[in-house]
Amino acid sequence: MACNALSLGIRDDKVITTMLLHDVCEDCDTALQELPVNEKVCRSVALMTFEIMAGGTKETAKNPAITT
């Protein structure tokens, strides 16, 4: 996402940081509170981060038609 934003001319540090960090939370099992960023960026990352409900998987959360 960050590469797409840059290719579109978006250069805002907060936007690029948010786009880079949302996958850290999704894919690296890192809590938002662990990110070394200010509260505004943390809130933005939270809005972009896909949350998986307890007992679910990333695949079922992104596609509710799949059942476990």
C-alpha atoms as a PDB file:
ATOM      1  CA  MET A   1       0.000   0.000   0.000  1.00  0.00           C
ATOM      2  CA  ALA A   2       2.828   2.391   0.792  1.00  0.00           C
ATOM      3  CA  CYS A   3       4.356   1.844  -2.659  1.00  0.00           C
ATOM      4  CA  ASN A   4       0.993   2.556  -4.278  1.00  0.00           C
ATOM      5  CA  ALA A   5       0.621   5.738  -2.254  1.00  0.00           C
ATOM      6  CA  LEU A   6       4.103   6.895  -3.236  1.00  0.00           C
ATOM      7  CA  SER A   7       3.403   6.156  -6.905  1.00  0.00           C
ATOM      8  CA  LEU A   8       0.293   8.343  -6.621  1.00  0.00           C
ATOM      9  CA  GLY A   9       2.408  11.184  -5.262  1.00  0.00           C
ATOM     10  CA  ILE A  10       1.385  10.879  -1.624  1.00  0.00           C
ATOM     11  CA  ARG A  11       4.326  11.992   0.481  1.00  0.00           C
ATOM     12  CA  ASP A  12       2.758  12.657   3.877  1.00  0.00           C
ATOM     13  CA  ASP A  13       4.905  10.951   6.518  1.00  0.00           C
ATOM     14  CA  LYS A  14       1.919   9.963   8.673  1.00  0.00           C
ATOM     15  CA  VAL A  15       0.115   8.337   5.745  1.00  0.00           C
ATOM     16  CA  ILE A  16       3.177   6.396   4.582  1.00  0.00           C
ATOM     17  CA  THR A  17       4.010   5.348   8.150  1.00  0.00           C
ATOM     18  CA  THR A  18       0.446   4.139   8.687  1.00  0.00           C
ATOM     19  CA  MET A  19       0.486   2.115   5.493  1.00  0.00           C
ATOM     20  CA  LEU A  20       3.807   0.522   6.347  1.00  0.00           C
ATOM     21  CA  LEU A  21       2.845  -0.327   9.923  1.00  0.00           C
ATOM     22  CA  HIS A  22      -0.619  -1.790   9.434  1.00  0.00           C
ATOM     23  CA  ASP A  23       0.905  -5.045   8.180  1.00  0.00           C
ATOM     24  CA  VAL A  24       3.208  -5.191  11.193  1.00  0.00           C
ATOM     25  CA  CYS A  25       0.139  -5.546  13.398  1.00  0.00           C
ATOM     26  CA  GLU A  26      -1.639  -7.946  11.042  1.00  0.00           C
ATOM     27  CA  ASP A  27       1.232 -10.211  10.088  1.00  0.00           C
ATOM     28  CA  CYS A  28       3.773  -9.982  12.918  1.00  0.00           C
ATOM     29  CA  ASP A  29       1.475 -10.362  15.915  1.00  0.00           C
ATOM     30  CA  THR A  30       2.482  -6.927  17.194  1.00  0.00           C
ATOM     31  CA  ALA A  31       0.054  -4.952  19.337  1.00  0.00           C
ATOM     32  CA  LEU A  32      -0.720  -1.356  18.441  1.00  0.00           C
ATOM     33  CA  GLN A  33       0.638  -0.282  21.817  1.00  0.00           C
ATOM     34  CA  GLU A  34       4.046  -1.720  20.887  1.00  0.00           C
ATOM     35  CA  LEU A  35       4.474   0.541  17.851  1.00  0.00           C
ATOM     36  CA  PRO A  36       6.976   3.382  18.381  1.00  0.00           C
ATOM     37  CA  VAL A  37       4.687   6.070  16.959  1.00  0.00           C
ATOM     38  CA  ASN A  38       2.563   8.918  18.258  1.00  0.00           C
ATOM     39  CA  GLU A  39      -1.118   8.506  19.162  1.00  0.00           C
ATOM     40  CA  LYS A  40      -2.392   9.972  15.879  1.00  0.00           C
ATOM     41  CA  VAL A  41      -0.449   7.467  13.784  1.00  0.00           C
ATOM     42  CA  CYS A  42      -1.427   4.666  16.163  1.00  0.00           C
ATOM     43  CA  ARG A  43      -5.123   5.491  15.689  1.00  0.00           C
ATOM     44  CA  SER A  44      -4.647   5.557  11.918  1.00  0.00           C
ATOM     45  CA  VAL A  45      -2.911   2.175  11.985  1.00  0.00           C
ATOM     46  CA  ALA A  46      -5.790   0.805  14.071  1.00  0.00           C
ATOM     47  CA  LEU A  47      -8.278   1.944  11.435  1.00  0.00           C
ATOM     48  CA  MET A  48      -6.331   0.222   8.651  1.00  0.00           C
ATOM     49  CA  THR A  49      -5.531  -2.959  10.562  1.00  0.00           C
ATOM     50  CA  PHE A  50      -7.749  -5.961   9.956  1.00  0.00           C
ATOM     51  CA  GLU A  51      -8.900  -7.474  13.249  1.00  0.00           C
ATOM     52  CA  ILE A  52      -9.420 -11.197  13.614  1.00  0.00           C
ATOM     53  CA  MET A  53     -12.031 -12.238  16.126  1.00  0.00           C
ATOM     54  CA  ALA A  54     -11.082 -14.735  18.823  1.00  0.00           C
ATOM     55  CA  GLY A  55     -11.091 -18.260  17.439  1.00  0.00           C
ATOM     56  CA  GLY A  56     -11.097 -17.050  13.841  1.00  0.00           C
ATOM     57  CA  THR A  57      -8.493 -17.002  11.113  1.00  0.00           C
ATOM     58  CA  LYS A  58      -7.376 -14.238   8.781  1.00  0.00           C
ATOM     59  CA  GLU A  59      -8.970 -16.075   5.850  1.00  0.00           C
ATOM     60  CA  THR A  60     -12.374 -16.498   7.493  1.00  0.00           C
ATOM     61  CA  ALA A  61     -12.356 -12.944   8.805  1.00  0.00           C
ATOM     62  CA  LYS A  62     -11.726 -11.511   5.337  1.00  0.00           C
ATOM     63  CA  ASN A  63     -14.236 -13.817   3.678  1.00  0.00           C
ATOM     64  CA  PRO A  64     -17.287 -14.419   5.883  1.00  0.00           C
ATOM     65  CA  ALA A  65     -18.592 -17.013   3.391  1.00  0.00           C
ATOM     66  CA  ILE A  66     -15.861 -19.374   4.618  1.00  0.00           C
ATOM     67  CA  THR A  67     -16.814 -21.256   7.746  1.00  0.00           C
ATOM     68  CA  THR A  68     -14.582 -23.134  10.105  1.00  0.00           C
END
